[in-house]
Amino acid sequence: MEWLDQLQKKHALHLHFTMEDNLSLSERVRERYRRMYSGIFYQRYILGLWVMAEGVIFSKFDDAVHKKARDWFPAKFDRKFICIDYGANNPTAFLKYGVRGNIYYELEEYYHNIRRKGEKTNGEYADDLEAFIDGDEYAIFIDPSAKAFIIELKKRDIKNVRAAVNTVLDGIQTVSNRFQRNELYICADNTNSLQELVSYVWDEKAAERGEDKPIKQNDHTCDARRYGIHTDYLLQRVKQRKKEREERMDNDLGWV
């Protein structure tokens, strides 16, 4: 940056710290943090470099690694969910996921572009979702701003509907981590999902203002994925912490 080039002239001092300079962190904690971040977040939080957010957001996605034929996916899962990005004036996307261990499998997509196929009512989208569910059981994580659509789904007594967690940067980081660790695979039939993945980019003009945010285009399946995976990740973390607390309590009471 220009001001860095004028440090001597301005009589300023530039100090650069990395995570390694924090002596209060054990090596085990440092290693956990190294695994938590990727891309610009790794450069910032681990290396201490305040780099601009630019380029393709999910740079860790590798078509040759993370795109798989339908018959490659497992038949059984530990849990399943559908994540939804609802667009009143934009495309609406549903993504169907199965989770096995730490691995997320994107199985199917629904994508309705109103500019090509015409508008739909909330009732028609609800009909499409019921067909997409096809009698199976899923948690449903939905764009929290889609309040009218959420009401329509609850009126129909569609089960396990939850407003998703919409913290954009945290959600992007959660999804990026899955690609980096090869814990997220996408069915090759999900053409809209795959196309949007490689065109989902940082807003460079916003970055120049010090803001980190994606460009709001070609982002509908990316938003749905972020809603689903990040919300599921947070729910599982809560469950794990509850289990750990109960185990510690049992140990303290001598029950195990």
C-alpha atoms as a PDB file:
ATOM      1  CA  MET A   1       0.000   0.000   0.000  1.00  0.00           C
ATOM      2  CA  GLU A   2       1.052   3.588  -0.642  1.00  0.00           C
ATOM      3  CA  TRP A   3       1.254   4.531   3.040  1.00  0.00           C
ATOM      4  CA  LEU A   4       3.660   1.653   3.700  1.00  0.00           C
ATOM      5  CA  ASP A   5       6.037   3.174   1.162  1.00  0.00           C
ATOM      6  CA  GLN A   6       6.074   6.442   3.133  1.00  0.00           C
ATOM      7  CA  LEU A   7       6.875   5.057   6.600  1.00  0.00           C
ATOM      8  CA  GLN A   8      10.212   6.845   6.906  1.00  0.00           C
ATOM      9  CA  LYS A   9       8.800  10.135   5.638  1.00  0.00           C
ATOM     10  CA  LYS A  10       5.880   9.939   8.057  1.00  0.00           C
ATOM     11  CA  HIS A  11       8.110   8.831  10.976  1.00  0.00           C
ATOM     12  CA  ALA A  12       5.927   5.785  11.416  1.00  0.00           C
ATOM     13  CA  LEU A  13       6.808   2.323  12.670  1.00  0.00           C
ATOM     14  CA  HIS A  14       5.528  -0.782  10.916  1.00  0.00           C
ATOM     15  CA  LEU A  15       5.275  -3.859  13.175  1.00  0.00           C
ATOM     16  CA  HIS A  16       4.388  -7.249  11.729  1.00  0.00           C
ATOM     17  CA  PHE A  17       3.146 -10.071  13.962  1.00  0.00           C
ATOM     18  CA  THR A  18       2.191 -13.634  13.086  1.00  0.00           C
ATOM     19  CA  MET A  19       0.441 -16.294  15.134  1.00  0.00           C
ATOM     20  CA  GLU A  20       3.865 -17.740  15.976  1.00  0.00           C
ATOM     21  CA  ASP A  21       4.641 -14.576  17.959  1.00  0.00           C
ATOM     22  CA  ASN A  22       1.843 -15.367  20.426  1.00  0.00           C
ATOM     23  CA  LEU A  23       3.773 -17.279  23.082  1.00  0.00           C
ATOM     24  CA  SER A  24       0.636 -18.036  25.088  1.00  0.00           C
ATOM     25  CA  LEU A  25      -0.513 -20.539  22.434  1.00  0.00           C
ATOM     26  CA  SER A  26       0.648 -24.133  22.651  1.00  0.00           C
ATOM     27  CA  GLU A  27       1.815 -25.909  19.505  1.00  0.00           C
ATOM     28  CA  ARG A  28      -1.322 -28.057  19.613  1.00  0.00           C
ATOM     29  CA  VAL A  29      -3.534 -24.944  19.587  1.00  0.00           C
ATOM     30  CA  ARG A  30      -1.453 -23.354  16.820  1.00  0.00           C
ATOM     31  CA  GLU A  31      -1.821 -26.471  14.690  1.00  0.00           C
ATOM     32  CA  ARG A  32      -5.587 -26.421  15.231  1.00  0.00           C
ATOM     33  CA  TYR A  33      -5.726 -22.802  14.071  1.00  0.00           C
ATOM     34  CA  ARG A  34      -3.581 -23.602  11.022  1.00  0.00           C
ATOM     35  CA  ARG A  35      -6.149 -26.229  10.024  1.00  0.00           C
ATOM     36  CA  MET A  36      -9.062 -23.871  10.622  1.00  0.00           C
ATOM     37  CA  TYR A  37      -8.169 -21.312   7.952  1.00  0.00           C
ATOM     38  CA  SER A  38      -7.372 -21.260   4.248  1.00  0.00           C
ATOM     39  CA  GLY A  39      -6.933 -18.700   1.478  1.00  0.00           C
ATOM     40  CA  ILE A  40      -6.986 -15.043   2.503  1.00  0.00           C
ATOM     41  CA  PHE A  41      -8.060 -15.997   6.028  1.00  0.00           C
ATOM     42  CA  TYR A  42      -4.907 -18.083   6.489  1.00  0.00           C
ATOM     43  CA  GLN A  43      -2.763 -15.240   5.176  1.00  0.00           C
ATOM     44  CA  ARG A  44      -4.401 -12.786   7.554  1.00  0.00           C
ATOM     45  CA  TYR A  45      -4.954 -14.730  10.769  1.00  0.00           C
ATOM     46  CA  ILE A  46      -1.965 -17.075  10.654  1.00  0.00           C
ATOM     47  CA  LEU A  47       0.678 -15.207   8.629  1.00  0.00           C
ATOM     48  CA  GLY A  48      -0.366 -11.719   9.767  1.00  0.00           C
ATOM     49  CA  LEU A  49      -0.616 -10.366   6.204  1.00  0.00           C
ATOM     50  CA  TRP A  50      -3.505  -7.996   5.554  1.00  0.00           C
ATOM     51  CA  VAL A  51      -4.030  -9.012   1.941  1.00  0.00           C
ATOM     52  CA  MET A  52      -6.960  -7.946  -0.203  1.00  0.00           C
ATOM     53  CA  ALA A  53      -9.776 -10.371  -0.920  1.00  0.00           C
ATOM     54  CA  GLU A  54      -9.639 -10.889  -4.670  1.00  0.00           C
ATOM     55  CA  GLY A  55     -10.191 -13.556  -7.284  1.00  0.00           C
ATOM     56  CA  VAL A  56     -12.261 -16.737  -7.121  1.00  0.00           C
ATOM     57  CA  ILE A  57     -13.558 -17.323  -3.594  1.00  0.00           C
ATOM     58  CA  PHE A  58     -13.426 -21.125  -3.551  1.00  0.00           C
ATOM     59  CA  SER A  59      -9.943 -21.419  -5.007  1.00  0.00           C
ATOM     60  CA  LYS A  60      -9.469 -24.764  -3.224  1.00  0.00           C
ATOM     61  CA  PHE A  61     -12.178 -26.360  -5.345  1.00  0.00           C
ATOM     62  CA  ASP A  62     -10.551 -28.727  -7.830  1.00  0.00           C
ATOM     63  CA  ASP A  63     -12.802 -30.016 -10.589  1.00  0.00           C
ATOM     64  CA  ALA A  64     -10.660 -33.147 -10.985  1.00  0.00           C
ATOM     65  CA  VAL A  65     -10.905 -33.967  -7.264  1.00  0.00           C
ATOM     66  CA  HIS A  66     -14.219 -32.675  -5.960  1.00  0.00           C
ATOM     67  CA  LYS A  67     -16.574 -33.370  -8.895  1.00  0.00           C
ATOM     68  CA  LYS A  68     -17.769 -36.981  -8.884  1.00  0.00           C
ATOM     69  CA  ALA A  69     -20.104 -39.146 -10.947  1.00  0.00           C
ATOM     70  CA  ARG A  70     -23.411 -40.012  -9.289  1.00  0.00           C
ATOM     71  CA  ASP A  71     -22.555 -43.700  -8.856  1.00  0.00           C
ATOM     72  CA  TRP A  72     -19.421 -42.741  -6.852  1.00  0.00           C
ATOM     73  CA  PHE A  73     -21.473 -41.459  -3.885  1.00  0.00           C
ATOM     74  CA  PRO A  74     -22.313 -43.680  -0.895  1.00  0.00           C
ATOM     75  CA  ALA A  75     -25.854 -44.975  -0.444  1.00  0.00           C
ATOM     76  CA  LYS A  76     -26.157 -44.355   3.314  1.00  0.00           C
ATOM     77  CA  PHE A  77     -25.411 -41.301   5.424  1.00  0.00           C
ATOM     78  CA  ASP A  78     -25.208 -40.281   9.075  1.00  0.00           C
ATOM     79  CA  ARG A  79     -27.531 -37.344   8.423  1.00  0.00           C
ATOM     80  CA  LYS A  80     -29.070 -35.501   5.489  1.00  0.00           C
ATOM     81  CA  PHE A  81     -30.163 -31.951   4.836  1.00  0.00           C
ATOM     82  CA  ILE A  82     -31.512 -29.698   2.112  1.00  0.00           C
ATOM     83  CA  CYS A  83     -30.250 -26.115   1.917  1.00  0.00           C
ATOM     84  CA  ILE A  84     -32.202 -23.383   0.161  1.00  0.00           C
ATOM     85  CA  ASP A  85     -31.406 -19.977  -1.302  1.00  0.00           C
ATOM     86  CA  TYR A  86     -34.720 -18.311  -2.066  1.00  0.00           C
ATOM     87  CA  GLY A  87     -34.948 -15.584  -4.697  1.00  0.00           C
ATOM     88  CA  ALA A  88     -38.042 -13.415  -5.038  1.00  0.00           C
ATOM     89  CA  ASN A  89     -36.572 -11.739  -8.131  1.00  0.00           C
ATOM     90  CA  ASN A  90     -33.595 -14.061  -8.664  1.00  0.00           C
ATOM     91  CA  PRO A  91     -33.042 -17.794  -9.111  1.00  0.00           C
ATOM     92  CA  THR A  92     -34.074 -20.127  -6.296  1.00  0.00           C
ATOM     93  CA  ALA A  93     -31.790 -23.060  -5.507  1.00  0.00           C
ATOM     94  CA  PHE A  94     -32.257 -26.224  -3.427  1.00  0.00           C
ATOM     95  CA  LEU A  95     -29.265 -28.475  -2.738  1.00  0.00           C
ATOM     96  CA  LYS A  96     -29.555 -31.974  -1.282  1.00  0.00           C
ATOM     97  CA  TYR A  97     -26.729 -33.160   0.997  1.00  0.00           C
ATOM     98  CA  GLY A  98     -25.711 -36.348   2.709  1.00  0.00           C
ATOM     99  CA  VAL A  99     -23.057 -36.382   5.433  1.00  0.00           C
ATOM    100  CA  ARG A 100     -20.968 -39.386   6.380  1.00  0.00           C
ATOM    101  CA  GLY A 101     -18.321 -38.894   9.046  1.00  0.00           C
ATOM    102  CA  ASN A 102     -16.694 -35.557   8.218  1.00  0.00           C
ATOM    103  CA  ILE A 103     -17.504 -35.750   4.502  1.00  0.00           C
ATOM    104  CA  TYR A 104     -20.234 -33.694   2.823  1.00  0.00           C
ATOM    105  CA  TYR A 105     -21.762 -35.036  -0.387  1.00  0.00           C
ATOM    106  CA  GLU A 106     -23.794 -32.717  -2.623  1.00  0.00           C
ATOM    107  CA  LEU A 107     -26.216 -35.168  -4.221  1.00  0.00           C
ATOM    108  CA  GLU A 108     -28.807 -33.211  -6.210  1.00  0.00           C
ATOM    109  CA  GLU A 109     -29.786 -29.688  -7.165  1.00  0.00           C
ATOM    110  CA  TYR A 110     -32.969 -27.828  -8.000  1.00  0.00           C
ATOM    111  CA  TYR A 111     -32.519 -24.518  -9.809  1.00  0.00           C
ATOM    112  CA  HIS A 112     -35.306 -22.254 -11.044  1.00  0.00           C
ATOM    113  CA  ASN A 113     -34.299 -19.137 -12.961  1.00  0.00           C
ATOM    114  CA  ILE A 114     -37.323 -16.847 -13.203  1.00  0.00           C
ATOM    115  CA  ARG A 115     -35.804 -14.868 -16.068  1.00  0.00           C
ATOM    116  CA  ARG A 116     -35.772 -18.009 -18.201  1.00  0.00           C
ATOM    117  CA  LYS A 117     -38.689 -20.010 -16.798  1.00  0.00           C
ATOM    118  CA  GLY A 118     -41.016 -17.376 -15.344  1.00  0.00           C
ATOM    119  CA  GLU A 119     -42.063 -16.471 -11.817  1.00  0.00           C
ATOM    120  CA  LYS A 120     -43.395 -18.913  -9.239  1.00  0.00           C
ATOM    121  CA  THR A 121     -45.484 -18.417  -6.128  1.00  0.00           C
ATOM    122  CA  ASN A 122     -44.385 -19.578  -2.679  1.00  0.00           C
ATOM    123  CA  GLY A 123     -46.931 -22.367  -3.028  1.00  0.00           C
ATOM    124  CA  GLU A 124     -45.398 -23.555  -6.293  1.00  0.00           C
ATOM    125  CA  TYR A 125     -41.899 -23.511  -4.781  1.00  0.00           C
ATOM    126  CA  ALA A 126     -43.254 -25.476  -1.813  1.00  0.00           C
ATOM    127  CA  ASP A 127     -44.718 -28.038  -4.255  1.00  0.00           C
ATOM    128  CA  ASP A 128     -41.302 -28.320  -5.911  1.00  0.00           C
ATOM    129  CA  LEU A 129     -39.595 -28.773  -2.543  1.00  0.00           C
ATOM    130  CA  GLU A 130     -41.992 -31.546  -1.541  1.00  0.00           C
ATOM    131  CA  ALA A 131     -41.220 -33.301  -4.819  1.00  0.00           C
ATOM    132  CA  PHE A 132     -37.479 -32.763  -4.178  1.00  0.00           C
ATOM    133  CA  ILE A 133     -37.820 -34.301  -0.689  1.00  0.00           C
ATOM    134  CA  ASP A 134     -39.643 -37.269  -2.281  1.00  0.00           C
ATOM    135  CA  GLY A 135     -40.897 -38.695   0.984  1.00  0.00           C
ATOM    136  CA  ASP A 136     -37.450 -38.876   2.601  1.00  0.00           C
ATOM    137  CA  GLU A 137     -36.413 -37.167   5.845  1.00  0.00           C
ATOM    138  CA  TYR A 138     -34.116 -34.135   5.789  1.00  0.00           C
ATOM    139  CA  ALA A 139     -33.238 -31.182   7.942  1.00  0.00           C
ATOM    140  CA  ILE A 140     -34.055 -28.075   5.892  1.00  0.00           C
ATOM    141  CA  PHE A 141     -31.816 -25.007   6.221  1.00  0.00           C
ATOM    142  CA  ILE A 142     -33.222 -21.985   4.445  1.00  0.00           C
ATOM    143  CA  ASP A 143     -32.227 -18.410   3.673  1.00  0.00           C
ATOM    144  CA  PRO A 144     -33.346 -16.581   6.860  1.00  0.00           C
ATOM    145  CA  SER A 145     -34.660 -13.612   4.845  1.00  0.00           C
ATOM    146  CA  ALA A 146     -37.240 -15.853   3.109  1.00  0.00           C
ATOM    147  CA  LYS A 147     -39.780 -15.432   5.908  1.00  0.00           C
ATOM    148  CA  ALA A 148     -42.914 -15.806   3.780  1.00  0.00           C
ATOM    149  CA  PHE A 149     -41.598 -19.011   2.229  1.00  0.00           C
ATOM    150  CA  ILE A 150     -40.679 -20.411   5.669  1.00  0.00           C
ATOM    151  CA  ILE A 151     -44.261 -19.702   6.823  1.00  0.00           C
ATOM    152  CA  GLU A 152     -45.622 -21.516   3.751  1.00  0.00           C
ATOM    153  CA  LEU A 153     -43.486 -24.595   4.502  1.00  0.00           C
ATOM    154  CA  LYS A 154     -44.561 -24.676   8.151  1.00  0.00           C
ATOM    155  CA  LYS A 155     -48.233 -24.343   7.130  1.00  0.00           C
ATOM    156  CA  ARG A 156     -47.765 -27.509   5.113  1.00  0.00           C
ATOM    157  CA  ASP A 157     -46.264 -29.216   8.151  1.00  0.00           C
ATOM    158  CA  ILE A 158     -42.971 -29.839   6.340  1.00  0.00           C
ATOM    159  CA  LYS A 159     -40.698 -31.058   9.123  1.00  0.00           C
ATOM    160  CA  ASN A 160     -37.333 -29.830  10.419  1.00  0.00           C
ATOM    161  CA  VAL A 161     -37.421 -26.385   8.780  1.00  0.00           C
ATOM    162  CA  ARG A 162     -34.839 -24.018  10.261  1.00  0.00           C
ATOM    163  CA  ALA A 163     -33.650 -20.520   9.312  1.00  0.00           C
ATOM    164  CA  ALA A 164     -29.978 -20.958   8.407  1.00  0.00           C
ATOM    165  CA  VAL A 165     -27.087 -19.117  10.014  1.00  0.00           C
ATOM    166  CA  ASN A 166     -26.151 -16.315   7.616  1.00  0.00           C
ATOM    167  CA  THR A 167     -22.707 -15.108   8.662  1.00  0.00           C
ATOM    168  CA  VAL A 168     -21.187 -14.702   5.210  1.00  0.00           C
ATOM    169  CA  LEU A 169     -17.435 -14.769   5.878  1.00  0.00           C
ATOM    170  CA  ASP A 170     -17.643 -17.519   8.501  1.00  0.00           C
ATOM    171  CA  GLY A 171     -19.780 -19.580   6.127  1.00  0.00           C
ATOM    172  CA  ILE A 172     -17.360 -19.071   3.245  1.00  0.00           C
ATOM    173  CA  GLN A 173     -14.490 -20.141   5.490  1.00  0.00           C
ATOM    174  CA  THR A 174     -16.349 -23.294   6.593  1.00  0.00           C
ATOM    175  CA  VAL A 175     -16.987 -24.311   2.971  1.00  0.00           C
ATOM    176  CA  SER A 176     -13.408 -23.432   1.925  1.00  0.00           C
ATOM    177  CA  ASN A 177     -12.070 -25.655   4.698  1.00  0.00           C
ATOM    178  CA  ARG A 178     -14.108 -28.575   3.401  1.00  0.00           C
ATOM    179  CA  PHE A 179     -12.624 -28.229  -0.082  1.00  0.00           C
ATOM    180  CA  GLN A 180      -9.117 -27.808   1.316  1.00  0.00           C
ATOM    181  CA  ARG A 181      -9.436 -31.006   3.379  1.00  0.00           C
ATOM    182  CA  ASN A 182     -11.201 -32.950   0.598  1.00  0.00           C
ATOM    183  CA  GLU A 183     -14.310 -33.209   2.759  1.00  0.00           C
ATOM    184  CA  LEU A 184     -16.794 -31.907   0.180  1.00  0.00           C
ATOM    185  CA  TYR A 185     -17.775 -33.551  -3.105  1.00  0.00           C
ATOM    186  CA  ILE A 186     -20.301 -32.437  -5.714  1.00  0.00           C
ATOM    187  CA  CYS A 187     -22.262 -34.586  -8.128  1.00  0.00           C
ATOM    188  CA  ALA A 188     -21.235 -33.991 -11.746  1.00  0.00           C
ATOM    189  CA  ASP A 189     -24.943 -33.710 -12.660  1.00  0.00           C
ATOM    190  CA  ASN A 190     -25.287 -30.510 -10.603  1.00  0.00           C
ATOM    191  CA  THR A 191     -24.414 -28.243 -13.504  1.00  0.00           C
ATOM    192  CA  ASN A 192     -25.632 -24.936 -12.048  1.00  0.00           C
ATOM    193  CA  SER A 193     -23.827 -25.593  -8.792  1.00  0.00           C
ATOM    194  CA  LEU A 194     -20.552 -26.352 -10.549  1.00  0.00           C
ATOM    195  CA  GLN A 195     -20.831 -23.363 -12.894  1.00  0.00           C
ATOM    196  CA  GLU A 196     -21.433 -20.932 -10.040  1.00  0.00           C
ATOM    197  CA  LEU A 197     -18.579 -22.335  -7.953  1.00  0.00           C
ATOM    198  CA  VAL A 198     -15.952 -21.165 -10.426  1.00  0.00           C
ATOM    199  CA  SER A 199     -17.579 -17.762 -11.072  1.00  0.00           C
ATOM    200  CA  TYR A 200     -18.155 -16.847  -7.400  1.00  0.00           C
ATOM    201  CA  VAL A 201     -15.632 -14.051  -6.844  1.00  0.00           C
ATOM    202  CA  TRP A 202     -14.653 -11.379  -4.334  1.00  0.00           C
ATOM    203  CA  ASP A 203     -15.831  -7.826  -4.947  1.00  0.00           C
ATOM    204  CA  GLU A 204     -12.561  -5.970  -5.643  1.00  0.00           C
ATOM    205  CA  LYS A 205     -14.142  -2.518  -5.328  1.00  0.00           C
ATOM    206  CA  ALA A 206     -15.450  -3.437  -1.871  1.00  0.00           C
ATOM    207  CA  ALA A 207     -11.999  -4.767  -0.938  1.00  0.00           C
ATOM    208  CA  GLU A 208     -10.469  -1.399  -1.814  1.00  0.00           C
ATOM    209  CA  ARG A 209     -12.850   0.127   0.752  1.00  0.00           C
ATOM    210  CA  GLY A 210     -11.729  -2.420   3.342  1.00  0.00           C
ATOM    211  CA  GLU A 211     -14.820  -4.652   2.976  1.00  0.00           C
ATOM    212  CA  ASP A 212     -14.772  -8.392   2.329  1.00  0.00           C
ATOM    213  CA  LYS A 213     -17.812  -9.519   0.390  1.00  0.00           C
ATOM    214  CA  PRO A 214     -18.650 -11.543  -2.708  1.00  0.00           C
ATOM    215  CA  ILE A 215     -20.070 -10.026  -5.863  1.00  0.00           C
ATOM    216  CA  LYS A 216     -23.839 -10.593  -5.748  1.00  0.00           C
ATOM    217  CA  GLN A 217     -24.193 -12.535  -8.970  1.00  0.00           C
ATOM    218  CA  ASN A 218     -23.881 -16.203  -9.867  1.00  0.00           C
ATOM    219  CA  ASP A 219     -24.114 -16.907  -6.150  1.00  0.00           C
ATOM    220  CA  HIS A 220     -27.406 -18.749  -5.566  1.00  0.00           C
ATOM    221  CA  THR A 221     -26.103 -22.298  -5.147  1.00  0.00           C
ATOM    222  CA  CYS A 222     -23.031 -20.906  -3.364  1.00  0.00           C
ATOM    223  CA  ASP A 223     -25.282 -19.148  -0.851  1.00  0.00           C
ATOM    224  CA  ALA A 224     -27.411 -22.277  -0.396  1.00  0.00           C
ATOM    225  CA  ARG A 225     -24.291 -24.396   0.184  1.00  0.00           C
ATOM    226  CA  ARG A 226     -22.937 -21.885   2.678  1.00  0.00           C
ATOM    227  CA  TYR A 227     -26.242 -21.818   4.578  1.00  0.00           C
ATOM    228  CA  GLY A 228     -26.368 -25.598   4.779  1.00  0.00           C
ATOM    229  CA  ILE A 229     -22.807 -26.611   5.528  1.00  0.00           C
ATOM    230  CA  HIS A 230     -22.089 -23.809   7.996  1.00  0.00           C
ATOM    231  CA  THR A 231     -25.366 -24.295   9.893  1.00  0.00           C
ATOM    232  CA  ASP A 232     -24.841 -28.057  10.047  1.00  0.00           C
ATOM    233  CA  TYR A 233     -21.235 -27.542  11.205  1.00  0.00           C
ATOM    234  CA  LEU A 234     -22.354 -25.239  14.040  1.00  0.00           C
ATOM    235  CA  LEU A 235     -25.114 -27.633  15.135  1.00  0.00           C
ATOM    236  CA  GLN A 236     -22.688 -30.560  15.241  1.00  0.00           C
ATOM    237  CA  ARG A 237     -20.184 -28.492  17.204  1.00  0.00           C
ATOM    238  CA  VAL A 238     -22.856 -27.671  19.804  1.00  0.00           C
ATOM    239  CA  LYS A 239     -23.733 -31.372  20.086  1.00  0.00           C
ATOM    240  CA  GLN A 240     -20.067 -32.333  20.451  1.00  0.00           C
ATOM    241  CA  ARG A 241     -19.470 -29.752  23.170  1.00  0.00           C
ATOM    242  CA  LYS A 242     -22.574 -30.923  25.044  1.00  0.00           C
ATOM    243  CA  LYS A 243     -21.340 -34.513  24.852  1.00  0.00           C
ATOM    244  CA  GLU A 244     -17.898 -33.494  26.126  1.00  0.00           C
ATOM    245  CA  ARG A 245     -19.458 -31.610  29.057  1.00  0.00           C
ATOM    246  CA  GLU A 246     -21.577 -34.626  29.980  1.00  0.00           C
ATOM    247  CA  GLU A 247     -18.557 -36.928  29.789  1.00  0.00           C
ATOM    248  CA  ARG A 248     -16.551 -34.620  32.043  1.00  0.00           C
ATOM    249  CA  MET A 249     -19.429 -34.501  34.507  1.00  0.00           C
ATOM    250  CA  ASP A 250     -19.667 -38.309  34.511  1.00  0.00           C
ATOM    251  CA  ASN A 251     -15.929 -38.536  35.164  1.00  0.00           C
ATOM    252  CA  ASP A 252     -16.140 -36.014  37.995  1.00  0.00           C
ATOM    253  CA  LEU A 253     -18.946 -37.999  39.598  1.00  0.00           C
ATOM    254  CA  GLY A 254     -17.078 -41.289  39.131  1.00  0.00           C
ATOM    255  CA  TRP A 255     -19.816 -42.812  36.985  1.00  0.00           C
ATOM    256  CA  VAL A 256     -17.377 -44.086  34.338  1.00  0.00           C
END
